[in-house]
């Protein structure tokens, strides 16, 4: 059943990307309606999660202000990004690894959607991406960041990288700590098979950056990291 579910999910999602990707780009670029691109993106994510048997629950949405924020989440699974994209905000922008920009169609979709790639191997390019992200935040676009920079293989938090926090300080927007868990069992190491899982998403109290400078960066990182740890310690929402 797992094999069949995985094959069907991959096939349908690929077909959806091939059709909806160019359609969304046409709508966003030709008709200047970026909401249309995001609507297609959310529809695709809902379809993929449903086919894969991935369900999620969220608590703490009432803590998120109506203003622009940076969502700061741990990252333990391939299913974390689509779940959070669906769960957090209707038009969520993402600071993501530049390697993902190479995927056909998706790179163009990410560009038009306002996602910002960050090349951690090139400091100048990385700083340019952070500046671009801060400008987008100031324009009113909320972002999702994964400050660990990669998936944790153990489920324990890795050290947080600084880029997303610099971005938030430059834009003077609050950071919402996010803990996502339960997705690691969806795809085991070395396997492309997708297994049904139940994912929990906990949102913490926003941490303000108003008045902070880059000198406050390290203290801010530790404060946010500790809040993510505490949210993870609260455990699953399915138990």
C-alpha atoms as a PDB file:
ATOM      1  CA  UNK A   1       0.000   0.000   0.000  1.00  0.00           C
ATOM      2  CA  UNK A   2       2.859   2.376   0.853  1.00  0.00           C
ATOM      3  CA  UNK A   3       4.490   1.761  -2.527  1.00  0.00           C
ATOM      4  CA  UNK A   4       1.252   2.342  -4.436  1.00  0.00           C
ATOM      5  CA  UNK A   5       0.456   5.457  -2.415  1.00  0.00           C
ATOM      6  CA  UNK A   6       3.939   6.839  -3.079  1.00  0.00           C
ATOM      7  CA  UNK A   7       3.804   6.177  -6.829  1.00  0.00           C
ATOM      8  CA  UNK A   8       0.369   7.777  -7.148  1.00  0.00           C
ATOM      9  CA  UNK A   9       1.418  10.784  -5.063  1.00  0.00           C
ATOM     10  CA  UNK A  10       4.590  11.429  -7.068  1.00  0.00           C
ATOM     11  CA  UNK A  11       2.822  10.960 -10.408  1.00  0.00           C
ATOM     12  CA  UNK A  12      -0.112  13.228  -9.596  1.00  0.00           C
ATOM     13  CA  UNK A  13       2.062  15.936  -8.029  1.00  0.00           C
ATOM     14  CA  UNK A  14       4.429  15.928 -11.010  1.00  0.00           C
ATOM     15  CA  UNK A  15       1.499  16.237 -13.413  1.00  0.00           C
ATOM     16  CA  UNK A  16       0.055  19.040 -11.296  1.00  0.00           C
ATOM     17  CA  UNK A  17       3.349  20.954 -11.329  1.00  0.00           C
ATOM     18  CA  UNK A  18       3.673  20.581 -15.095  1.00  0.00           C
ATOM     19  CA  UNK A  19       0.186  22.033 -15.612  1.00  0.00           C
ATOM     20  CA  UNK A  20      -0.315  24.404 -12.683  1.00  0.00           C
ATOM     21  CA  UNK A  21       3.227  25.790 -12.680  1.00  0.00           C
ATOM     22  CA  UNK A  22       3.091  27.449 -16.116  1.00  0.00           C
ATOM     23  CA  UNK A  23      -0.556  28.405 -15.535  1.00  0.00           C
ATOM     24  CA  UNK A  24       0.303  30.124 -12.276  1.00  0.00           C
ATOM     25  CA  UNK A  25       3.231  31.937 -13.865  1.00  0.00           C
ATOM     26  CA  UNK A  26       0.963  33.176 -16.654  1.00  0.00           C
ATOM     27  CA  UNK A  27      -1.600  34.420 -14.140  1.00  0.00           C
ATOM     28  CA  UNK A  28       1.001  36.089 -11.922  1.00  0.00           C
ATOM     29  CA  UNK A  29       3.096  37.658 -14.673  1.00  0.00           C
ATOM     30  CA  UNK A  30       0.582  38.175 -17.465  1.00  0.00           C
ATOM     31  CA  UNK A  31      -2.317  39.338 -15.311  1.00  0.00           C
ATOM     32  CA  UNK A  32      -0.270  40.624 -12.342  1.00  0.00           C
ATOM     33  CA  UNK A  33      -2.273  38.464  -9.941  1.00  0.00           C
ATOM     34  CA  UNK A  34       0.192  36.791  -7.571  1.00  0.00           C
ATOM     35  CA  UNK A  35      -2.683  35.583  -5.396  1.00  0.00           C
ATOM     36  CA  UNK A  36      -3.608  33.271  -8.263  1.00  0.00           C
ATOM     37  CA  UNK A  37      -0.158  31.688  -8.186  1.00  0.00           C
ATOM     38  CA  UNK A  38      -0.428  31.185  -4.434  1.00  0.00           C
ATOM     39  CA  UNK A  39      -3.941  29.744  -4.746  1.00  0.00           C
ATOM     40  CA  UNK A  40      -2.642  27.133  -7.172  1.00  0.00           C
ATOM     41  CA  UNK A  41       0.295  26.460  -4.865  1.00  0.00           C
ATOM     42  CA  UNK A  42      -1.953  25.838  -1.882  1.00  0.00           C
ATOM     43  CA  UNK A  43      -4.236  23.618  -3.953  1.00  0.00           C
ATOM     44  CA  UNK A  44      -1.226  21.560  -5.026  1.00  0.00           C
ATOM     45  CA  UNK A  45       0.046  21.204  -1.473  1.00  0.00           C
ATOM     46  CA  UNK A  46      -3.405  20.162  -0.213  1.00  0.00           C
ATOM     47  CA  UNK A  47      -3.587  17.565  -2.976  1.00  0.00           C
ATOM     48  CA  UNK A  48      -0.117  16.212  -2.198  1.00  0.00           C
ATOM     49  CA  UNK A  49      -0.720  15.984   1.543  1.00  0.00           C
ATOM     50  CA  UNK A  50      -4.079  14.278   1.028  1.00  0.00           C
ATOM     51  CA  UNK A  51      -2.668  11.706  -1.383  1.00  0.00           C
ATOM     52  CA  UNK A  52       0.284  11.029   0.908  1.00  0.00           C
ATOM     53  CA  UNK A  53      -1.971  10.593   3.931  1.00  0.00           C
ATOM     54  CA  UNK A  54      -0.274  13.427   5.817  1.00  0.00           C
ATOM     55  CA  UNK A  55      -2.483  15.232   8.323  1.00  0.00           C
ATOM     56  CA  UNK A  56      -1.579  18.140  10.559  1.00  0.00           C
ATOM     57  CA  UNK A  57      -2.875  20.116  13.503  1.00  0.00           C
ATOM     58  CA  UNK A  58      -1.913  23.656  14.484  1.00  0.00           C
ATOM     59  CA  UNK A  59      -2.121  25.518  17.785  1.00  0.00           C
ATOM     60  CA  UNK A  60      -1.172  29.108  18.500  1.00  0.00           C
ATOM     61  CA  UNK A  61      -2.519  30.811  15.391  1.00  0.00           C
ATOM     62  CA  UNK A  62      -4.234  33.318  17.678  1.00  0.00           C
ATOM     63  CA  UNK A  63      -0.791  34.492  18.806  1.00  0.00           C
ATOM     64  CA  UNK A  64       0.253  35.615  15.334  1.00  0.00           C
ATOM     65  CA  UNK A  65      -0.271  39.354  14.745  1.00  0.00           C
ATOM     66  CA  UNK A  66      -1.954  40.627  11.603  1.00  0.00           C
ATOM     67  CA  UNK A  67       1.260  42.454  10.736  1.00  0.00           C
ATOM     68  CA  UNK A  68       4.280  41.100   8.864  1.00  0.00           C
ATOM     69  CA  UNK A  69       6.273  38.440  10.731  1.00  0.00           C
ATOM     70  CA  UNK A  70       9.119  35.982  10.300  1.00  0.00           C
ATOM     71  CA  UNK A  71       8.127  32.413  11.184  1.00  0.00           C
ATOM     72  CA  UNK A  72      11.195  30.605  12.547  1.00  0.00           C
ATOM     73  CA  UNK A  73      10.881  26.807  12.526  1.00  0.00           C
ATOM     74  CA  UNK A  74      12.931  23.732  13.249  1.00  0.00           C
ATOM     75  CA  UNK A  75      13.392  21.353  10.310  1.00  0.00           C
ATOM     76  CA  UNK A  76      13.389  17.573  10.723  1.00  0.00           C
ATOM     77  CA  UNK A  77      11.558  16.250   7.658  1.00  0.00           C
ATOM     78  CA  UNK A  78      10.913  16.752   3.955  1.00  0.00           C
ATOM     79  CA  UNK A  79       7.237  17.205   4.766  1.00  0.00           C
ATOM     80  CA  UNK A  80       7.866  20.204   7.052  1.00  0.00           C
ATOM     81  CA  UNK A  81       8.013  22.873   4.289  1.00  0.00           C
ATOM     82  CA  UNK A  82       4.736  21.935   2.545  1.00  0.00           C
ATOM     83  CA  UNK A  83       2.901  21.497   5.853  1.00  0.00           C
ATOM     84  CA  UNK A  84       4.081  24.887   7.125  1.00  0.00           C
ATOM     85  CA  UNK A  85       3.413  26.575   3.787  1.00  0.00           C
ATOM     86  CA  UNK A  86      -0.163  25.362   4.088  1.00  0.00           C
ATOM     87  CA  UNK A  87      -0.602  25.967   7.800  1.00  0.00           C
ATOM     88  CA  UNK A  88       0.996  29.330   8.525  1.00  0.00           C
ATOM     89  CA  UNK A  89      -0.051  32.026   6.059  1.00  0.00           C
ATOM     90  CA  UNK A  90      -2.070  32.364   2.813  1.00  0.00           C
ATOM     91  CA  UNK A  91       0.788  34.098   0.992  1.00  0.00           C
ATOM     92  CA  UNK A  92       3.892  32.906   2.794  1.00  0.00           C
ATOM     93  CA  UNK A  93       7.313  33.740   1.370  1.00  0.00           C
ATOM     94  CA  UNK A  94      10.235  31.429   2.110  1.00  0.00           C
ATOM     95  CA  UNK A  95      13.975  31.861   2.574  1.00  0.00           C
ATOM     96  CA  UNK A  96      15.243  28.622   1.026  1.00  0.00           C
ATOM     97  CA  UNK A  97      18.417  26.811  -0.036  1.00  0.00           C
ATOM     98  CA  UNK A  98      19.654  28.004  -3.427  1.00  0.00           C
ATOM     99  CA  UNK A  99      20.129  24.410  -4.628  1.00  0.00           C
ATOM    100  CA  UNK A 100      16.349  24.000  -4.835  1.00  0.00           C
ATOM    101  CA  UNK A 101      16.199  26.814  -7.380  1.00  0.00           C
ATOM    102  CA  UNK A 102      17.602  24.444 -10.014  1.00  0.00           C
ATOM    103  CA  UNK A 103      14.412  22.367 -10.202  1.00  0.00           C
ATOM    104  CA  UNK A 104      12.643  22.990 -13.541  1.00  0.00           C
ATOM    105  CA  UNK A 105       9.524  25.180 -13.332  1.00  0.00           C
ATOM    106  CA  UNK A 106       9.760  25.425  -9.545  1.00  0.00           C
ATOM    107  CA  UNK A 107      12.678  27.871  -9.694  1.00  0.00           C
ATOM    108  CA  UNK A 108      10.598  30.248 -11.798  1.00  0.00           C
ATOM    109  CA  UNK A 109       7.566  29.759  -9.547  1.00  0.00           C
ATOM    110  CA  UNK A 110       9.678  30.541  -6.483  1.00  0.00           C
ATOM    111  CA  UNK A 111      11.038  33.697  -8.129  1.00  0.00           C
ATOM    112  CA  UNK A 112       7.644  35.041  -9.143  1.00  0.00           C
ATOM    113  CA  UNK A 113       6.148  34.034  -5.788  1.00  0.00           C
ATOM    114  CA  UNK A 114       8.727  36.150  -3.998  1.00  0.00           C
ATOM    115  CA  UNK A 115      10.695  33.322  -2.375  1.00  0.00           C
ATOM    116  CA  UNK A 116      14.335  34.204  -1.715  1.00  0.00           C
ATOM    117  CA  UNK A 117      17.129  31.671  -2.369  1.00  0.00           C
ATOM    118  CA  UNK A 118      20.174  31.846  -0.131  1.00  0.00           C
ATOM    119  CA  UNK A 119      23.559  30.467  -1.181  1.00  0.00           C
ATOM    120  CA  UNK A 120      25.345  29.720   2.075  1.00  0.00           C
ATOM    121  CA  UNK A 121      28.519  28.852   0.174  1.00  0.00           C
ATOM    122  CA  UNK A 122      28.888  32.394  -1.169  1.00  0.00           C
ATOM    123  CA  UNK A 123      28.891  35.077   1.518  1.00  0.00           C
ATOM    124  CA  UNK A 124      28.298  37.989  -0.869  1.00  0.00           C
ATOM    125  CA  UNK A 125      25.325  36.273  -2.509  1.00  0.00           C
ATOM    126  CA  UNK A 126      23.969  35.253   0.885  1.00  0.00           C
ATOM    127  CA  UNK A 127      24.120  38.832   2.184  1.00  0.00           C
ATOM    128  CA  UNK A 128      22.438  40.079  -1.004  1.00  0.00           C
ATOM    129  CA  UNK A 129      19.631  37.565  -0.405  1.00  0.00           C
ATOM    130  CA  UNK A 130      19.244  38.725   3.196  1.00  0.00           C
ATOM    131  CA  UNK A 131      18.985  42.332   2.026  1.00  0.00           C
ATOM    132  CA  UNK A 132      16.398  41.307  -0.556  1.00  0.00           C
ATOM    133  CA  UNK A 133      14.438  39.432   2.094  1.00  0.00           C
ATOM    134  CA  UNK A 134      14.480  42.427   4.441  1.00  0.00           C
ATOM    135  CA  UNK A 135      13.163  44.648   1.651  1.00  0.00           C
ATOM    136  CA  UNK A 136      10.359  42.155   1.016  1.00  0.00           C
ATOM    137  CA  UNK A 137       9.503  42.098   4.729  1.00  0.00           C
ATOM    138  CA  UNK A 138       9.327  45.888   4.769  1.00  0.00           C
ATOM    139  CA  UNK A 139       6.953  45.649   1.797  1.00  0.00           C
ATOM    140  CA  UNK A 140       4.581  43.569   3.945  1.00  0.00           C
ATOM    141  CA  UNK A 141       5.469  39.968   3.041  1.00  0.00           C
ATOM    142  CA  UNK A 142       5.735  37.438   5.865  1.00  0.00           C
ATOM    143  CA  UNK A 143       8.539  34.865   5.639  1.00  0.00           C
ATOM    144  CA  UNK A 144       9.289  31.335   6.791  1.00  0.00           C
ATOM    145  CA  UNK A 145      12.890  30.522   7.709  1.00  0.00           C
ATOM    146  CA  UNK A 146      14.581  27.266   8.719  1.00  0.00           C
ATOM    147  CA  UNK A 147      17.600  28.598  10.623  1.00  0.00           C
ATOM    148  CA  UNK A 148      19.207  25.180  11.053  1.00  0.00           C
ATOM    149  CA  UNK A 149      19.940  25.375   7.327  1.00  0.00           C
ATOM    150  CA  UNK A 150      19.262  21.668   6.771  1.00  0.00           C
ATOM    151  CA  UNK A 151      17.196  18.825   8.198  1.00  0.00           C
ATOM    152  CA  UNK A 152      18.139  17.497  11.607  1.00  0.00           C
ATOM    153  CA  UNK A 153      18.768  13.750  11.328  1.00  0.00           C
ATOM    154  CA  UNK A 154      18.145  13.175  15.037  1.00  0.00           C
ATOM    155  CA  UNK A 155      15.217  15.464  15.717  1.00  0.00           C
ATOM    156  CA  UNK A 156      17.361  17.578  18.042  1.00  0.00           C
ATOM    157  CA  UNK A 157      17.885  21.217  17.117  1.00  0.00           C
ATOM    158  CA  UNK A 158      21.023  22.059  15.180  1.00  0.00           C
ATOM    159  CA  UNK A 159      22.840  25.383  15.684  1.00  0.00           C
ATOM    160  CA  UNK A 160      20.888  28.300  14.211  1.00  0.00           C
ATOM    161  CA  UNK A 161      22.392  30.265  11.343  1.00  0.00           C
ATOM    162  CA  UNK A 162      22.242  34.047  11.442  1.00  0.00           C
ATOM    163  CA  UNK A 163      20.821  35.128   8.076  1.00  0.00           C
ATOM    164  CA  UNK A 164      17.109  35.082   8.820  1.00  0.00           C
ATOM    165  CA  UNK A 165      17.619  36.921  12.098  1.00  0.00           C
ATOM    166  CA  UNK A 166      19.625  39.660  10.405  1.00  0.00           C
ATOM    167  CA  UNK A 167      16.753  39.953   7.940  1.00  0.00           C
ATOM    168  CA  UNK A 168      14.183  40.319  10.733  1.00  0.00           C
ATOM    169  CA  UNK A 169      16.278  42.900  12.595  1.00  0.00           C
ATOM    170  CA  UNK A 170      16.852  44.940   9.451  1.00  0.00           C
ATOM    171  CA  UNK A 171      13.108  44.979   8.763  1.00  0.00           C
ATOM    172  CA  UNK A 172      12.193  45.404  12.456  1.00  0.00           C
ATOM    173  CA  UNK A 173       9.487  42.715  12.313  1.00  0.00           C
ATOM    174  CA  UNK A 174       8.634  40.189  15.060  1.00  0.00           C
ATOM    175  CA  UNK A 175       9.760  36.571  14.942  1.00  0.00           C
ATOM    176  CA  UNK A 176       7.233  33.808  15.637  1.00  0.00           C
ATOM    177  CA  UNK A 177       8.872  30.625  17.009  1.00  0.00           C
ATOM    178  CA  UNK A 178       7.492  27.484  15.351  1.00  0.00           C
ATOM    179  CA  UNK A 179       7.907  23.835  16.328  1.00  0.00           C
ATOM    180  CA  UNK A 180       6.955  21.160  13.824  1.00  0.00           C
ATOM    181  CA  UNK A 181       7.172  17.477  14.674  1.00  0.00           C
ATOM    182  CA  UNK A 182       5.839  14.127  13.555  1.00  0.00           C
ATOM    183  CA  UNK A 183       6.960  14.269   9.941  1.00  0.00           C
ATOM    184  CA  UNK A 184      10.248  12.375  10.217  1.00  0.00           C
ATOM    185  CA  UNK A 185       8.540   8.992   9.887  1.00  0.00           C
ATOM    186  CA  UNK A 186       7.009   9.996   6.542  1.00  0.00           C
ATOM    187  CA  UNK A 187      10.237   9.330   4.638  1.00  0.00           C
ATOM    188  CA  UNK A 188      12.902   7.122   6.170  1.00  0.00           C
ATOM    189  CA  UNK A 189      16.558   7.770   5.461  1.00  0.00           C
ATOM    190  CA  UNK A 190      17.516   6.532   1.990  1.00  0.00           C
ATOM    191  CA  UNK A 191      13.902   5.798   1.022  1.00  0.00           C
ATOM    192  CA  UNK A 192      11.629   7.696  -1.357  1.00  0.00           C
ATOM    193  CA  UNK A 193       8.515   5.951  -0.055  1.00  0.00           C
ATOM    194  CA  UNK A 194       6.004   8.222   1.657  1.00  0.00           C
ATOM    195  CA  UNK A 195       4.221   6.965   4.742  1.00  0.00           C
ATOM    196  CA  UNK A 196       1.112   8.500   6.321  1.00  0.00           C
ATOM    197  CA  UNK A 197       1.963  10.612   9.367  1.00  0.00           C
ATOM    198  CA  UNK A 198       0.338  13.062  11.735  1.00  0.00           C
ATOM    199  CA  UNK A 199       2.205  16.333  12.073  1.00  0.00           C
ATOM    200  CA  UNK A 200       1.971  18.805  14.948  1.00  0.00           C
ATOM    201  CA  UNK A 201       2.641  22.526  14.491  1.00  0.00           C
ATOM    202  CA  UNK A 202       2.977  24.761  17.541  1.00  0.00           C
ATOM    203  CA  UNK A 203       3.283  28.535  17.253  1.00  0.00           C
ATOM    204  CA  UNK A 204       4.898  30.470  20.078  1.00  0.00           C
ATOM    205  CA  UNK A 205       4.561  34.024  21.312  1.00  0.00           C
ATOM    206  CA  UNK A 206       6.025  36.530  18.823  1.00  0.00           C
ATOM    207  CA  UNK A 207       9.404  37.938  19.828  1.00  0.00           C
ATOM    208  CA  UNK A 208       9.775  41.621  18.886  1.00  0.00           C
ATOM    209  CA  UNK A 209      12.809  43.016  17.099  1.00  0.00           C
ATOM    210  CA  UNK A 210      11.747  46.673  17.240  1.00  0.00           C
ATOM    211  CA  UNK A 211      14.664  48.720  18.487  1.00  0.00           C
ATOM    212  CA  UNK A 212      17.160  45.869  18.113  1.00  0.00           C
ATOM    213  CA  UNK A 213      20.388  46.259  16.163  1.00  0.00           C
ATOM    214  CA  UNK A 214      22.749  43.700  14.684  1.00  0.00           C
ATOM    215  CA  UNK A 215      24.657  43.818  17.972  1.00  0.00           C
ATOM    216  CA  UNK A 216      21.626  42.086  19.519  1.00  0.00           C
ATOM    217  CA  UNK A 217      21.611  39.318  16.920  1.00  0.00           C
ATOM    218  CA  UNK A 218      23.206  36.515  18.954  1.00  0.00           C
ATOM    219  CA  UNK A 219      21.003  37.133  21.989  1.00  0.00           C
ATOM    220  CA  UNK A 220      17.939  37.127  19.726  1.00  0.00           C
ATOM    221  CA  UNK A 221      19.002  33.834  18.164  1.00  0.00           C
ATOM    222  CA  UNK A 222      19.375  32.193  21.572  1.00  0.00           C
ATOM    223  CA  UNK A 223      16.024  33.531  22.735  1.00  0.00           C
ATOM    224  CA  UNK A 224      14.176  32.234  19.672  1.00  0.00           C
ATOM    225  CA  UNK A 225      16.011  28.905  19.737  1.00  0.00           C
ATOM    226  CA  UNK A 226      15.047  28.367  23.368  1.00  0.00           C
ATOM    227  CA  UNK A 227      11.393  29.069  22.578  1.00  0.00           C
ATOM    228  CA  UNK A 228      11.449  26.524  19.736  1.00  0.00           C
ATOM    229  CA  UNK A 229      12.981  23.976  22.130  1.00  0.00           C
ATOM    230  CA  UNK A 230      10.236  24.594  24.677  1.00  0.00           C
ATOM    231  CA  UNK A 231       7.537  24.198  22.031  1.00  0.00           C
ATOM    232  CA  UNK A 232       9.070  20.899  20.913  1.00  0.00           C
ATOM    233  CA  UNK A 233       9.073  19.680  24.509  1.00  0.00           C
ATOM    234  CA  UNK A 234       5.294  20.109  24.628  1.00  0.00           C
ATOM    235  CA  UNK A 235       5.035  17.120  22.307  1.00  0.00           C
ATOM    236  CA  UNK A 236       2.483  15.918  19.802  1.00  0.00           C
ATOM    237  CA  UNK A 237      -0.976  17.403  19.343  1.00  0.00           C
ATOM    238  CA  UNK A 238      -2.293  13.967  18.416  1.00  0.00           C
ATOM    239  CA  UNK A 239      -1.775  12.266  21.774  1.00  0.00           C
END
